[in-house]
Amino acid sequence: MLTEFNFFGVFMAPIVVYAIAALPVTMLIRFALWWTGIMKWFWHLALFEVALYTCVLCLMILFV
């Protein structure tokens, strides 16, 4: 069950916590993709990075 997160007396929605946690995971995946050269395959890098972040965020919400 998702509940609010108390941050110094301010209640935040759980999506905020997941969104912040998804950033380092996305950065790690981006680094691995750049290092292997897979990022060169994508035509629109910004669009791919937003889609990657969205996928990571959705997977974290579903499985964490």
PDB file of N, CA and C in Angstrom:
ATOM      1  N   MET A   1       0.843  -1.182   0.000  1.00  0.00           N
ATOM      2  CA  MET A   1       0.000   0.000   0.000  1.00  0.00           C
ATOM      3  C   MET A   1       0.882   1.237   0.000  1.00  0.00           C
ATOM      4  N   LEU A   2       0.628   2.143  -0.919  1.00  0.00           N
ATOM      5  CA  LEU A   2       1.390   3.371  -0.996  1.00  0.00           C
ATOM      6  C   LEU A   2       0.832   4.386  -0.001  1.00  0.00           C
ATOM      7  N   THR A   3       1.720   4.949   0.779  1.00  0.00           N
ATOM      8  CA  THR A   3       1.314   5.968   1.739  1.00  0.00           C
ATOM      9  C   THR A   3       2.178   7.204   1.536  1.00  0.00           C
ATOM     10  N   GLU A   4       1.776   8.287   2.164  1.00  0.00           N
ATOM     11  CA  GLU A   4       2.534   9.517   2.039  1.00  0.00           C
ATOM     12  C   GLU A   4       3.880   9.394   2.736  1.00  0.00           C
ATOM     13  N   PHE A   5       4.843  10.169   2.262  1.00  0.00           N
ATOM     14  CA  PHE A   5       6.184  10.193   2.813  1.00  0.00           C
ATOM     15  C   PHE A   5       6.354  11.492   3.586  1.00  0.00           C
ATOM     16  N   ASN A   6       6.771  11.401   4.835  1.00  0.00           N
ATOM     17  CA  ASN A   6       6.937  12.567   5.683  1.00  0.00           C
ATOM     18  C   ASN A   6       8.360  13.086   5.532  1.00  0.00           C
ATOM     19  N   PHE A   7       8.505  14.285   4.976  1.00  0.00           N
ATOM     20  CA  PHE A   7       9.809  14.907   4.784  1.00  0.00           C
ATOM     21  C   PHE A   7       9.847  16.204   5.585  1.00  0.00           C
ATOM     22  N   PHE A   8      10.378  16.129   6.789  1.00  0.00           N
ATOM     23  CA  PHE A   8      10.460  17.266   7.705  1.00  0.00           C
ATOM     24  C   PHE A   8       9.098  17.929   7.925  1.00  0.00           C
ATOM     25  N   GLY A   9       8.092  17.120   8.127  1.00  0.00           N
ATOM     26  CA  GLY A   9       6.760  17.624   8.404  1.00  0.00           C
ATOM     27  C   GLY A   9       5.914  17.903   7.177  1.00  0.00           C
ATOM     28  N   VAL A  10       6.470  17.743   6.005  1.00  0.00           N
ATOM     29  CA  VAL A  10       5.724  17.961   4.764  1.00  0.00           C
ATOM     30  C   VAL A  10       5.423  16.595   4.168  1.00  0.00           C
ATOM     31  N   PHE A  11       4.160  16.303   3.987  1.00  0.00           N
ATOM     32  CA  PHE A  11       3.768  15.028   3.419  1.00  0.00           C
ATOM     33  C   PHE A  11       3.848  15.088   1.897  1.00  0.00           C
ATOM     34  N   MET A  12       4.547  14.118   1.338  1.00  0.00           N
ATOM     35  CA  MET A  12       4.722  14.056  -0.115  1.00  0.00           C
ATOM     36  C   MET A  12       4.088  12.791  -0.646  1.00  0.00           C
ATOM     37  N   ALA A  13       3.647  12.862  -1.874  1.00  0.00           N
ATOM     38  CA  ALA A  13       3.081  11.688  -2.525  1.00  0.00           C
ATOM     39  C   ALA A  13       4.198  10.678  -2.797  1.00  0.00           C
ATOM     40  N   PRO A  14       3.877   9.396  -2.820  1.00  0.00           N
ATOM     41  CA  PRO A  14       4.902   8.378  -3.071  1.00  0.00           C
ATOM     42  C   PRO A  14       5.567   8.500  -4.439  1.00  0.00           C
ATOM     43  N   ILE A  15       4.887   9.094  -5.403  1.00  0.00           N
ATOM     44  CA  ILE A  15       5.468   9.245  -6.737  1.00  0.00           C
ATOM     45  C   ILE A  15       6.697  10.139  -6.691  1.00  0.00           C
ATOM     46  N   VAL A  16       6.756  11.078  -5.764  1.00  0.00           N
ATOM     47  CA  VAL A  16       7.914  11.959  -5.639  1.00  0.00           C
ATOM     48  C   VAL A  16       9.138  11.156  -5.209  1.00  0.00           C
ATOM     49  N   VAL A  17       8.956  10.263  -4.263  1.00  0.00           N
ATOM     50  CA  VAL A  17      10.058   9.431  -3.788  1.00  0.00           C
ATOM     51  C   VAL A  17      10.534   8.508  -4.901  1.00  0.00           C
ATOM     52  N   TYR A  18       9.603   7.913  -5.624  1.00  0.00           N
ATOM     53  CA  TYR A  18       9.978   7.041  -6.733  1.00  0.00           C
ATOM     54  C   TYR A  18      10.669   7.826  -7.847  1.00  0.00           C
ATOM     55  N   ALA A  19      10.203   9.038  -8.129  1.00  0.00           N
ATOM     56  CA  ALA A  19      10.798   9.845  -9.187  1.00  0.00           C
ATOM     57  C   ALA A  19      12.241  10.215  -8.849  1.00  0.00           C
ATOM     58  N   ILE A  20      12.495  10.534  -7.594  1.00  0.00           N
ATOM     59  CA  ILE A  20      13.860  10.860  -7.177  1.00  0.00           C
ATOM     60  C   ILE A  20      14.732   9.610  -7.191  1.00  0.00           C
ATOM     61  N   ALA A  21      14.192   8.478  -6.793  1.00  0.00           N
ATOM     62  CA  ALA A  21      14.962   7.236  -6.789  1.00  0.00           C
ATOM     63  C   ALA A  21      15.230   6.724  -8.198  1.00  0.00           C
ATOM     64  N   ALA A  22      14.387   7.056  -9.148  1.00  0.00           N
ATOM     65  CA  ALA A  22      14.573   6.592 -10.524  1.00  0.00           C
ATOM     66  C   ALA A  22      15.686   7.346 -11.247  1.00  0.00           C
ATOM     67  N   LEU A  23      16.036   8.527 -10.777  1.00  0.00           N
ATOM     68  CA  LEU A  23      17.081   9.308 -11.437  1.00  0.00           C
ATOM     69  C   LEU A  23      18.444   8.614 -11.433  1.00  0.00           C
ATOM     70  N   PRO A  24      18.978   8.175 -10.281  1.00  0.00           N
ATOM     71  CA  PRO A  24      20.287   7.509 -10.329  1.00  0.00           C
ATOM     72  C   PRO A  24      20.266   6.192 -11.096  1.00  0.00           C
ATOM     73  N   VAL A  25      19.146   5.481 -11.048  1.00  0.00           N
ATOM     74  CA  VAL A  25      19.049   4.228 -11.802  1.00  0.00           C
ATOM     75  C   VAL A  25      19.105   4.516 -13.299  1.00  0.00           C
ATOM     76  N   THR A  26      18.400   5.557 -13.720  1.00  0.00           N
ATOM     77  CA  THR A  26      18.418   5.943 -15.129  1.00  0.00           C
ATOM     78  C   THR A  26      19.808   6.404 -15.542  1.00  0.00           C
ATOM     79  N   MET A  27      20.470   7.169 -14.706  1.00  0.00           N
ATOM     80  CA  MET A  27      21.822   7.623 -15.023  1.00  0.00           C
ATOM     81  C   MET A  27      22.787   6.450 -15.146  1.00  0.00           C
ATOM     82  N   LEU A  28      22.636   5.454 -14.303  1.00  0.00           N
ATOM     83  CA  LEU A  28      23.485   4.271 -14.377  1.00  0.00           C
ATOM     84  C   LEU A  28      23.248   3.504 -15.679  1.00  0.00           C
ATOM     85  N   ILE A  29      21.993   3.362 -16.066  1.00  0.00           N
ATOM     86  CA  ILE A  29      21.678   2.682 -17.326  1.00  0.00           C
ATOM     87  C   ILE A  29      22.195   3.488 -18.512  1.00  0.00           C
ATOM     88  N   ARG A  30      22.048   4.820 -18.462  1.00  0.00           N
ATOM     89  CA  ARG A  30      22.567   5.670 -19.536  1.00  0.00           C
ATOM     90  C   ARG A  30      24.077   5.519 -19.672  1.00  0.00           C
ATOM     91  N   PHE A  31      24.781   5.506 -18.546  1.00  0.00           N
ATOM     92  CA  PHE A  31      26.232   5.342 -18.589  1.00  0.00           C
ATOM     93  C   PHE A  31      26.610   4.013 -19.223  1.00  0.00           C
ATOM     94  N   ALA A  32      25.910   2.960 -18.844  1.00  0.00           N
ATOM     95  CA  ALA A  32      26.201   1.637 -19.412  1.00  0.00           C
ATOM     96  C   ALA A  32      25.913   1.614 -20.916  1.00  0.00           C
ATOM     97  N   LEU A  33      24.854   2.283 -21.345  1.00  0.00           N
ATOM     98  CA  LEU A  33      24.521   2.324 -22.776  1.00  0.00           C
ATOM     99  C   LEU A  33      25.536   3.158 -23.560  1.00  0.00           C
ATOM    100  N   TRP A  34      26.022   4.264 -22.982  1.00  0.00           N
ATOM    101  CA  TRP A  34      27.054   5.053 -23.654  1.00  0.00           C
ATOM    102  C   TRP A  34      28.357   4.267 -23.729  1.00  0.00           C
ATOM    103  N   TRP A  35      28.691   3.578 -22.659  1.00  0.00           N
ATOM    104  CA  TRP A  35      29.939   2.839 -22.595  1.00  0.00           C
ATOM    105  C   TRP A  35      29.988   1.692 -23.601  1.00  0.00           C
ATOM    106  N   THR A  36      28.859   1.036 -23.814  1.00  0.00           N
ATOM    107  CA  THR A  36      28.806  -0.059 -24.781  1.00  0.00           C
ATOM    108  C   THR A  36      28.589   0.422 -26.210  1.00  0.00           C
ATOM    109  N   GLY A  37      28.231   1.671 -26.396  1.00  0.00           N
ATOM    110  CA  GLY A  37      28.026   2.217 -27.735  1.00  0.00           C
ATOM    111  C   GLY A  37      26.620   2.041 -28.267  1.00  0.00           C
ATOM    112  N   ILE A  38      25.717   1.581 -27.459  1.00  0.00           N
ATOM    113  CA  ILE A  38      24.344   1.354 -27.907  1.00  0.00           C
ATOM    114  C   ILE A  38      23.597   2.672 -28.117  1.00  0.00           C
ATOM    115  N   MET A  39      23.971   3.719 -27.408  1.00  0.00           N
ATOM    116  CA  MET A  39      23.275   4.997 -27.531  1.00  0.00           C
ATOM    117  C   MET A  39      23.434   5.604 -28.919  1.00  0.00           C
ATOM    118  N   LYS A  40      24.432   5.199 -29.673  1.00  0.00           N
ATOM    119  CA  LYS A  40      24.624   5.725 -31.027  1.00  0.00           C
ATOM    120  C   LYS A  40      23.550   5.218 -31.986  1.00  0.00           C
ATOM    121  N   TRP A  41      22.834   4.188 -31.615  1.00  0.00           N
ATOM    122  CA  TRP A  41      21.806   3.606 -32.476  1.00  0.00           C
ATOM    123  C   TRP A  41      20.533   4.450 -32.514  1.00  0.00           C
ATOM    124  N   PHE A  42      20.329   5.309 -31.532  1.00  0.00           N
ATOM    125  CA  PHE A  42      19.073   6.027 -31.395  1.00  0.00           C
ATOM    126  C   PHE A  42      19.129   7.351 -32.143  1.00  0.00           C
ATOM    127  N   TRP A  43      18.054   7.635 -32.857  1.00  0.00           N
ATOM    128  CA  TRP A  43      17.995   8.834 -33.664  1.00  0.00           C
ATOM    129  C   TRP A  43      17.801  10.077 -32.805  1.00  0.00           C
ATOM    130  N   HIS A  44      16.887  10.024 -31.857  1.00  0.00           N
ATOM    131  CA  HIS A  44      16.555  11.182 -31.024  1.00  0.00           C
ATOM    132  C   HIS A  44      16.918  10.842 -29.581  1.00  0.00           C
ATOM    133  N   LEU A  45      18.096  11.269 -29.153  1.00  0.00           N
ATOM    134  CA  LEU A  45      18.607  10.876 -27.837  1.00  0.00           C
ATOM    135  C   LEU A  45      17.755  11.412 -26.685  1.00  0.00           C
ATOM    136  N   ALA A  46      17.316  12.645 -26.794  1.00  0.00           N
ATOM    137  CA  ALA A  46      16.517  13.225 -25.712  1.00  0.00           C
ATOM    138  C   ALA A  46      15.200  12.470 -25.534  1.00  0.00           C
ATOM    139  N   LEU A  47      14.586  12.116 -26.640  1.00  0.00           N
ATOM    140  CA  LEU A  47      13.340  11.356 -26.570  1.00  0.00           C
ATOM    141  C   LEU A  47      13.581   9.982 -25.956  1.00  0.00           C
ATOM    142  N   PHE A  48      14.683   9.345 -26.323  1.00  0.00           N
ATOM    143  CA  PHE A  48      15.005   8.040 -25.753  1.00  0.00           C
ATOM    144  C   PHE A  48      15.274   8.148 -24.250  1.00  0.00           C
ATOM    145  N   GLU A  49      15.977   9.190 -23.833  1.00  0.00           N
ATOM    146  CA  GLU A  49      16.287   9.335 -22.408  1.00  0.00           C
ATOM    147  C   GLU A  49      15.032   9.586 -21.575  1.00  0.00           C
ATOM    148  N   VAL A  50      14.105  10.348 -22.105  1.00  0.00           N
ATOM    149  CA  VAL A  50      12.834  10.558 -21.400  1.00  0.00           C
ATOM    150  C   VAL A  50      12.055   9.254 -21.330  1.00  0.00           C
ATOM    151  N   ALA A  51      12.039   8.511 -22.427  1.00  0.00           N
ATOM    152  CA  ALA A  51      11.346   7.221 -22.432  1.00  0.00           C
ATOM    153  C   ALA A  51      12.003   6.235 -21.477  1.00  0.00           C
ATOM    154  N   LEU A  52      13.329   6.244 -21.417  1.00  0.00           N
ATOM    155  CA  LEU A  52      14.046   5.371 -20.492  1.00  0.00           C
ATOM    156  C   LEU A  52      13.713   5.717 -19.047  1.00  0.00           C
ATOM    157  N   TYR A  53      13.710   7.009 -18.726  1.00  0.00           N
ATOM    158  CA  TYR A  53      13.352   7.438 -17.371  1.00  0.00           C
ATOM    159  C   TYR A  53      11.917   7.034 -17.027  1.00  0.00           C
ATOM    160  N   THR A  54      11.018   7.212 -17.981  1.00  0.00           N
ATOM    161  CA  THR A  54       9.619   6.836 -17.748  1.00  0.00           C
ATOM    162  C   THR A  54       9.488   5.339 -17.509  1.00  0.00           C
ATOM    163  N   CYS A  55      10.200   4.545 -18.276  1.00  0.00           N
ATOM    164  CA  CYS A  55      10.156   3.088 -18.095  1.00  0.00           C
ATOM    165  C   CYS A  55      10.726   2.680 -16.746  1.00  0.00           C
ATOM    166  N   VAL A  56      11.839   3.280 -16.360  1.00  0.00           N
ATOM    167  CA  VAL A  56      12.445   2.965 -15.057  1.00  0.00           C
ATOM    168  C   VAL A  56      11.494   3.369 -13.933  1.00  0.00           C
ATOM    169  N   LEU A  57      10.896   4.531 -14.049  1.00  0.00           N
ATOM    170  CA  LEU A  57       9.958   4.997 -13.025  1.00  0.00           C
ATOM    171  C   LEU A  57       8.756   4.063 -12.918  1.00  0.00           C
ATOM    172  N   CYS A  58       8.190   3.672 -14.042  1.00  0.00           N
ATOM    173  CA  CYS A  58       7.036   2.766 -14.018  1.00  0.00           C
ATOM    174  C   CYS A  58       7.405   1.405 -13.437  1.00  0.00           C
ATOM    175  N   LEU A  59       8.572   0.896 -13.786  1.00  0.00           N
ATOM    176  CA  LEU A  59       9.001  -0.389 -13.231  1.00  0.00           C
ATOM    177  C   LEU A  59       9.240  -0.308 -11.740  1.00  0.00           C
ATOM    178  N   MET A  60       9.779   0.821 -11.273  1.00  0.00           N
ATOM    179  CA  MET A  60       9.979   0.987  -9.819  1.00  0.00           C
ATOM    180  C   MET A  60       8.637   1.040  -9.103  1.00  0.00           C
ATOM    181  N   ILE A  61       7.670   1.714  -9.692  1.00  0.00           N
ATOM    182  CA  ILE A  61       6.351   1.788  -9.059  1.00  0.00           C
ATOM    183  C   ILE A  61       5.697   0.414  -9.001  1.00  0.00           C
ATOM    184  N   LEU A  62       5.861  -0.367 -10.066  1.00  0.00           N
ATOM    185  CA  LEU A  62       5.223  -1.679 -10.116  1.00  0.00           C
ATOM    186  C   LEU A  62       5.883  -2.705  -9.188  1.00  0.00           C
ATOM    187  N   PHE A  63       7.216  -2.692  -9.129  1.00  0.00           N
ATOM    188  CA  PHE A  63       7.910  -3.773  -8.462  1.00  0.00           C
ATOM    189  C   PHE A  63       8.563  -3.423  -7.132  1.00  0.00           C
ATOM    190  N   VAL A  64       8.551  -2.170  -6.719  1.00  0.00           N
ATOM    191  CA  VAL A  64       9.181  -1.804  -5.434  1.00  0.00           C
ATOM    192  C   VAL A  64       8.101  -1.530  -4.425  1.00  0.00           C
TER     193      VAL A  64
END
